[in-house]
Amino acid sequence: MLTNYLPVLLYMLIAIGLVGVIVLLSEFLGKKTHTYQKDLPYECGMDPIGDARHRYAVRFYVIAMFFIVFDIEAIFLYPWGVIFKPLGWFGLVEMAIFIFILVVGLVYVWGKGALEWE
């Protein structure tokens, strides 16, 4: 039974070994010149301004979570659209309930002012 997994184990060992060899070769063969300009953080060609460790407002994270929620909604809509006809009315009502729940959540956060950008 374990002989079935031998090719997978061999493949993993070869992949891990190859990664190790590449990392070691880059360590030994690569240039190691550090300059002030190289060690600066890259900011789209602009000179860095201020400290990189400043605090962000919670609103950035809230907007990111809304974006993820509505991306997940879109991901669920695609397979539903592909098999819409075989599902019939049941599928339509089920998706309407799903979208209704999301709209209720959107109206709630909108009413709380979470979408207001100041």
N, C-alpha and C. Protein backbone atom coordinates (compact mmCIF):
# COMPACT_ATOMS: atom_id res chain seq x y z
N MET A 1 0.83 -1.19 0.00
CA MET A 1 0.00 0.00 0.00
C MET A 1 0.87 1.26 0.00
N LEU A 2 1.95 1.27 0.75
CA LEU A 2 2.82 2.45 0.80
C LEU A 2 3.62 2.61 -0.48
N THR A 3 3.72 1.56 -1.28
CA THR A 3 4.47 1.68 -2.53
C THR A 3 3.77 2.62 -3.51
N ASN A 4 2.48 2.84 -3.34
CA ASN A 4 1.77 3.78 -4.20
C ASN A 4 2.22 5.21 -3.95
N TYR A 5 2.69 5.49 -2.73
CA TYR A 5 3.12 6.84 -2.37
C TYR A 5 4.61 7.07 -2.60
N LEU A 6 5.33 6.05 -3.03
CA LEU A 6 6.76 6.19 -3.26
C LEU A 6 7.08 7.24 -4.32
N PRO A 7 6.38 7.31 -5.46
CA PRO A 7 6.68 8.38 -6.43
C PRO A 7 6.43 9.78 -5.87
N VAL A 8 5.40 9.94 -5.05
CA VAL A 8 5.11 11.24 -4.45
C VAL A 8 6.23 11.63 -3.48
N LEU A 9 6.67 10.67 -2.66
CA LEU A 9 7.76 10.92 -1.73
C LEU A 9 9.05 11.27 -2.47
N LEU A 10 9.34 10.53 -3.53
CA LEU A 10 10.52 10.80 -4.34
C LEU A 10 10.44 12.18 -4.97
N TYR A 11 9.29 12.54 -5.50
CA TYR A 11 9.10 13.87 -6.10
C TYR A 11 9.31 14.97 -5.05
N MET A 12 8.76 14.79 -3.85
CA MET A 12 8.93 15.80 -2.80
C MET A 12 10.39 15.93 -2.39
N LEU A 13 11.10 14.81 -2.27
CA LEU A 13 12.51 14.87 -1.91
C LEU A 13 13.33 15.58 -2.97
N ILE A 14 13.06 15.29 -4.23
CA ILE A 14 13.78 15.97 -5.32
C ILE A 14 13.46 17.46 -5.32
N ALA A 15 12.20 17.82 -5.12
CA ALA A 15 11.83 19.25 -5.12
C ALA A 15 12.48 19.97 -3.95
N ILE A 16 12.46 19.40 -2.77
CA ILE A 16 13.08 20.04 -1.60
C ILE A 16 14.59 20.13 -1.79
N GLY A 17 15.19 19.08 -2.32
CA GLY A 17 16.63 19.10 -2.59
C GLY A 17 17.00 20.16 -3.61
N LEU A 18 16.21 20.28 -4.67
CA LEU A 18 16.48 21.29 -5.69
C LEU A 18 16.37 22.70 -5.12
N VAL A 19 15.37 22.93 -4.30
CA VAL A 19 15.23 24.24 -3.67
C VAL A 19 16.43 24.53 -2.78
N GLY A 20 16.86 23.54 -2.01
CA GLY A 20 18.03 23.73 -1.15
C GLY A 20 19.29 24.03 -1.96
N VAL A 21 19.49 23.31 -3.06
CA VAL A 21 20.67 23.55 -3.91
C VAL A 21 20.61 24.96 -4.50
N ILE A 22 19.46 25.39 -4.97
CA ILE A 22 19.35 26.73 -5.56
C ILE A 22 19.61 27.81 -4.53
N VAL A 23 19.08 27.65 -3.33
CA VAL A 23 19.31 28.64 -2.28
C VAL A 23 20.79 28.69 -1.90
N LEU A 24 21.43 27.53 -1.75
CA LEU A 24 22.85 27.50 -1.40
C LEU A 24 23.71 28.10 -2.52
N LEU A 25 23.41 27.77 -3.77
CA LEU A 25 24.18 28.34 -4.88
C LEU A 25 24.03 29.85 -4.94
N SER A 26 22.82 30.36 -4.72
CA SER A 26 22.64 31.81 -4.75
C SER A 26 23.37 32.47 -3.59
N GLU A 27 23.47 31.77 -2.45
CA GLU A 27 24.18 32.33 -1.31
C GLU A 27 25.68 32.40 -1.58
N PHE A 28 26.23 31.37 -2.20
CA PHE A 28 27.67 31.34 -2.45
C PHE A 28 28.08 32.13 -3.69
N LEU A 29 27.26 32.16 -4.73
CA LEU A 29 27.65 32.79 -5.98
C LEU A 29 27.15 34.22 -6.14
N GLY A 30 26.18 34.62 -5.36
CA GLY A 30 25.58 35.95 -5.52
C GLY A 30 26.46 37.05 -4.96
N LYS A 31 26.31 38.24 -5.53
CA LYS A 31 27.05 39.40 -5.02
C LYS A 31 26.44 39.85 -3.70
N LYS A 32 27.30 40.35 -2.84
CA LYS A 32 26.84 40.82 -1.54
C LYS A 32 27.34 42.23 -1.29
N THR A 33 26.95 43.14 -2.13
CA THR A 33 27.33 44.54 -1.92
C THR A 33 26.11 45.28 -1.39
N HIS A 34 26.25 45.83 -0.20
CA HIS A 34 25.17 46.59 0.41
C HIS A 34 25.53 48.07 0.37
N THR A 35 24.64 48.85 -0.18
CA THR A 35 24.81 50.30 -0.19
C THR A 35 23.60 50.92 0.48
N TYR A 36 23.72 52.18 0.76
CA TYR A 36 22.61 52.90 1.39
C TYR A 36 21.38 52.87 0.48
N GLN A 37 21.59 53.08 -0.81
CA GLN A 37 20.47 53.10 -1.74
C GLN A 37 19.80 51.73 -1.86
N LYS A 38 20.58 50.66 -1.83
CA LYS A 38 20.01 49.32 -1.95
C LYS A 38 19.21 48.93 -0.72
N ASP A 39 19.64 49.41 0.44
CA ASP A 39 18.97 49.02 1.67
C ASP A 39 17.73 49.85 1.98
N LEU A 40 17.46 50.89 1.20
CA LEU A 40 16.24 51.68 1.41
C LEU A 40 15.02 50.90 0.94
N PRO A 41 13.89 51.03 1.61
CA PRO A 41 12.67 50.38 1.12
C PRO A 41 12.23 51.03 -0.20
N TYR A 42 11.72 50.21 -1.09
CA TYR A 42 11.30 50.70 -2.40
C TYR A 42 9.85 51.17 -2.33
N GLU A 43 9.61 52.39 -2.76
CA GLU A 43 8.26 52.95 -2.74
C GLU A 43 7.93 53.55 -4.10
N CYS A 44 7.82 52.73 -5.10
CA CYS A 44 7.39 53.14 -6.44
C CYS A 44 8.27 54.25 -7.01
N GLY A 45 9.55 54.19 -6.78
CA GLY A 45 10.45 55.18 -7.33
C GLY A 45 10.52 56.47 -6.55
N MET A 46 9.75 56.59 -5.49
CA MET A 46 9.76 57.81 -4.68
C MET A 46 10.70 57.61 -3.50
N ASP A 47 11.26 58.71 -3.02
CA ASP A 47 12.06 58.63 -1.81
C ASP A 47 11.14 58.34 -0.63
N PRO A 48 11.54 57.42 0.26
CA PRO A 48 10.70 57.11 1.43
C PRO A 48 10.52 58.33 2.32
N ILE A 49 9.30 58.51 2.78
CA ILE A 49 8.98 59.65 3.64
C ILE A 49 8.49 59.10 4.97
N GLY A 50 9.12 59.48 6.05
CA GLY A 50 8.64 59.08 7.37
C GLY A 50 8.98 57.65 7.72
N ASP A 51 8.41 57.19 8.80
CA ASP A 51 8.65 55.85 9.31
C ASP A 51 7.69 54.87 8.64
N ALA A 52 8.15 53.68 8.36
CA ALA A 52 7.32 52.66 7.71
C ALA A 52 6.38 51.98 8.69
N ARG A 53 6.53 52.25 9.96
CA ARG A 53 5.74 51.55 10.97
C ARG A 53 4.68 52.44 11.61
N HIS A 54 3.96 53.19 10.82
CA HIS A 54 2.89 54.00 11.40
C HIS A 54 1.59 53.20 11.40
N ARG A 55 0.70 53.59 12.25
CA ARG A 55 -0.55 52.85 12.43
C ARG A 55 -1.57 53.26 11.37
N TYR A 56 -2.29 52.29 10.87
CA TYR A 56 -3.37 52.55 9.93
C TYR A 56 -4.69 52.60 10.68
N ALA A 57 -5.62 53.33 10.12
CA ALA A 57 -6.95 53.39 10.71
C ALA A 57 -7.66 52.05 10.50
N VAL A 58 -8.57 51.74 11.38
CA VAL A 58 -9.31 50.49 11.30
C VAL A 58 -10.17 50.46 10.03
N ARG A 59 -10.53 51.61 9.51
CA ARG A 59 -11.37 51.68 8.31
C ARG A 59 -10.74 50.97 7.13
N PHE A 60 -9.43 50.99 7.01
CA PHE A 60 -8.77 50.29 5.93
C PHE A 60 -9.09 48.80 6.00
N TYR A 61 -9.03 48.24 7.19
CA TYR A 61 -9.28 46.81 7.36
C TYR A 61 -10.77 46.49 7.16
N VAL A 62 -11.65 47.37 7.60
CA VAL A 62 -13.08 47.15 7.41
C VAL A 62 -13.43 47.13 5.93
N ILE A 63 -12.89 48.09 5.18
CA ILE A 63 -13.14 48.11 3.73
C ILE A 63 -12.58 46.86 3.08
N ALA A 64 -11.41 46.41 3.53
CA ALA A 64 -10.82 45.18 2.98
C ALA A 64 -11.72 43.98 3.26
N MET A 65 -12.33 43.91 4.45
CA MET A 65 -13.23 42.80 4.76
C MET A 65 -14.49 42.86 3.90
N PHE A 66 -15.02 44.05 3.66
CA PHE A 66 -16.18 44.17 2.77
C PHE A 66 -15.82 43.70 1.38
N PHE A 67 -14.65 44.07 0.92
CA PHE A 67 -14.20 43.66 -0.41
C PHE A 67 -14.14 42.14 -0.49
N ILE A 68 -13.61 41.49 0.55
CA ILE A 68 -13.51 40.03 0.55
C ILE A 68 -14.90 39.40 0.57
N VAL A 69 -15.80 39.94 1.37
CA VAL A 69 -17.16 39.39 1.44
C VAL A 69 -17.85 39.46 0.08
N PHE A 70 -17.73 40.57 -0.61
CA PHE A 70 -18.40 40.70 -1.89
C PHE A 70 -17.68 39.95 -3.00
N ASP A 71 -16.39 39.71 -2.84
CA ASP A 71 -15.70 38.81 -3.77
C ASP A 71 -16.21 37.39 -3.61
N ILE A 72 -16.41 36.97 -2.36
CA ILE A 72 -16.93 35.63 -2.12
C ILE A 72 -18.34 35.50 -2.69
N GLU A 73 -19.11 36.57 -2.57
CA GLU A 73 -20.46 36.55 -3.17
C GLU A 73 -20.36 36.34 -4.67
N ALA A 74 -19.45 37.03 -5.33
CA ALA A 74 -19.29 36.88 -6.77
C ALA A 74 -18.83 35.46 -7.12
N ILE A 75 -17.99 34.88 -6.28
CA ILE A 75 -17.53 33.51 -6.53
C ILE A 75 -18.69 32.54 -6.44
N PHE A 76 -19.63 32.77 -5.54
CA PHE A 76 -20.79 31.89 -5.44
C PHE A 76 -21.79 32.12 -6.57
N LEU A 77 -21.80 33.30 -7.16
CA LEU A 77 -22.74 33.57 -8.24
C LEU A 77 -22.35 32.88 -9.55
N TYR A 78 -21.07 32.70 -9.82
CA TYR A 78 -20.64 32.09 -11.08
C TYR A 78 -21.13 30.66 -11.25
N PRO A 79 -20.91 29.75 -10.29
CA PRO A 79 -21.41 28.39 -10.50
C PRO A 79 -22.94 28.33 -10.54
N TRP A 80 -23.58 29.21 -9.80
CA TRP A 80 -25.03 29.24 -9.84
C TRP A 80 -25.51 29.64 -11.24
N GLY A 81 -24.84 30.61 -11.86
CA GLY A 81 -25.22 31.03 -13.20
C GLY A 81 -24.98 29.95 -14.24
N VAL A 82 -23.96 29.11 -14.02
CA VAL A 82 -23.66 28.05 -14.97
C VAL A 82 -24.73 26.97 -14.95
N ILE A 83 -25.24 26.62 -13.77
CA ILE A 83 -26.25 25.55 -13.68
C ILE A 83 -27.62 26.11 -13.31
N PHE A 84 -27.94 27.29 -13.80
CA PHE A 84 -29.20 27.93 -13.45
C PHE A 84 -30.41 27.13 -13.93
N LYS A 85 -30.40 26.68 -15.18
CA LYS A 85 -31.58 25.98 -15.72
C LYS A 85 -31.91 24.69 -14.98
N PRO A 86 -30.93 23.80 -14.68
CA PRO A 86 -31.31 22.57 -13.96
C PRO A 86 -31.84 22.83 -12.55
N LEU A 87 -31.43 23.93 -11.92
CA LEU A 87 -31.91 24.22 -10.57
C LEU A 87 -33.36 24.68 -10.54
N GLY A 88 -33.78 25.36 -11.58
CA GLY A 88 -35.16 25.82 -11.66
C GLY A 88 -35.49 26.88 -10.63
N TRP A 89 -36.76 26.86 -10.20
CA TRP A 89 -37.23 27.87 -9.25
C TRP A 89 -36.55 27.74 -7.89
N PHE A 90 -36.23 26.52 -7.50
CA PHE A 90 -35.56 26.32 -6.22
C PHE A 90 -34.24 27.07 -6.18
N GLY A 91 -33.46 26.95 -7.25
CA GLY A 91 -32.17 27.64 -7.32
C GLY A 91 -32.33 29.15 -7.33
N LEU A 92 -33.36 29.64 -8.01
CA LEU A 92 -33.60 31.08 -8.06
C LEU A 92 -33.95 31.62 -6.67
N VAL A 93 -34.85 30.93 -5.98
CA VAL A 93 -35.25 31.36 -4.64
C VAL A 93 -34.07 31.26 -3.67
N GLU A 94 -33.30 30.19 -3.78
CA GLU A 94 -32.15 30.02 -2.91
C GLU A 94 -31.13 31.15 -3.10
N MET A 95 -30.85 31.52 -4.33
CA MET A 95 -29.90 32.60 -4.59
C MET A 95 -30.49 33.95 -4.18
N ALA A 96 -31.81 34.13 -4.33
CA ALA A 96 -32.43 35.38 -3.89
C ALA A 96 -32.31 35.54 -2.38
N ILE A 97 -32.47 34.45 -1.64
CA ILE A 97 -32.30 34.50 -0.18
C ILE A 97 -30.86 34.83 0.17
N PHE A 98 -29.90 34.21 -0.54
CA PHE A 98 -28.49 34.47 -0.30
C PHE A 98 -28.16 35.94 -0.53
N ILE A 99 -28.61 36.49 -1.63
CA ILE A 99 -28.34 37.90 -1.94
C ILE A 99 -29.08 38.81 -0.97
N PHE A 100 -30.28 38.43 -0.56
CA PHE A 100 -31.03 39.23 0.41
C PHE A 100 -30.28 39.34 1.73
N ILE A 101 -29.72 38.22 2.19
CA ILE A 101 -28.95 38.23 3.45
C ILE A 101 -27.75 39.16 3.32
N LEU A 102 -27.07 39.13 2.18
CA LEU A 102 -25.93 40.01 1.98
C LEU A 102 -26.36 41.48 1.89
N VAL A 103 -27.49 41.74 1.26
CA VAL A 103 -27.98 43.12 1.17
C VAL A 103 -28.37 43.64 2.55
N VAL A 104 -28.98 42.79 3.37
CA VAL A 104 -29.32 43.20 4.74
C VAL A 104 -28.05 43.57 5.51
N GLY A 105 -27.01 42.76 5.37
CA GLY A 105 -25.74 43.09 6.02
C GLY A 105 -25.15 44.39 5.50
N LEU A 106 -25.23 44.62 4.19
CA LEU A 106 -24.72 45.86 3.61
C LEU A 106 -25.50 47.07 4.11
N VAL A 107 -26.83 46.96 4.18
CA VAL A 107 -27.65 48.06 4.68
C VAL A 107 -27.33 48.32 6.15
N TYR A 108 -27.08 47.27 6.93
CA TYR A 108 -26.74 47.43 8.34
C TYR A 108 -25.44 48.21 8.52
N VAL A 109 -24.39 47.80 7.80
CA VAL A 109 -23.11 48.50 7.97
C VAL A 109 -23.16 49.90 7.37
N TRP A 110 -23.94 50.07 6.34
CA TRP A 110 -24.11 51.40 5.76
C TRP A 110 -24.80 52.32 6.77
N GLY A 111 -25.83 51.78 7.43
CA GLY A 111 -26.55 52.55 8.45
C GLY A 111 -25.69 52.88 9.66
N LYS A 112 -24.76 52.00 10.00
CA LYS A 112 -23.85 52.25 11.12
C LYS A 112 -22.76 53.26 10.76
N GLY A 113 -22.65 53.57 9.45
CA GLY A 113 -21.65 54.56 9.02
C GLY A 113 -20.28 53.95 8.75
N ALA A 114 -20.21 52.64 8.63
CA ALA A 114 -18.92 51.99 8.41
C ALA A 114 -18.37 52.27 7.01
N LEU A 115 -19.22 52.67 6.09
CA LEU A 115 -18.76 52.94 4.73
C LEU A 115 -18.42 54.40 4.51
N GLU A 116 -18.59 55.23 5.51
CA GLU A 116 -18.26 56.65 5.39
C GLU A 116 -16.76 56.82 5.51
N TRP A 117 -16.17 57.48 4.55
CA TRP A 117 -14.72 57.68 4.54
C TRP A 117 -14.44 59.13 4.92
N GLU A 118 -13.73 59.32 6.00
CA GLU A 118 -13.46 60.68 6.49
C GLU A 118 -12.01 61.00 6.39
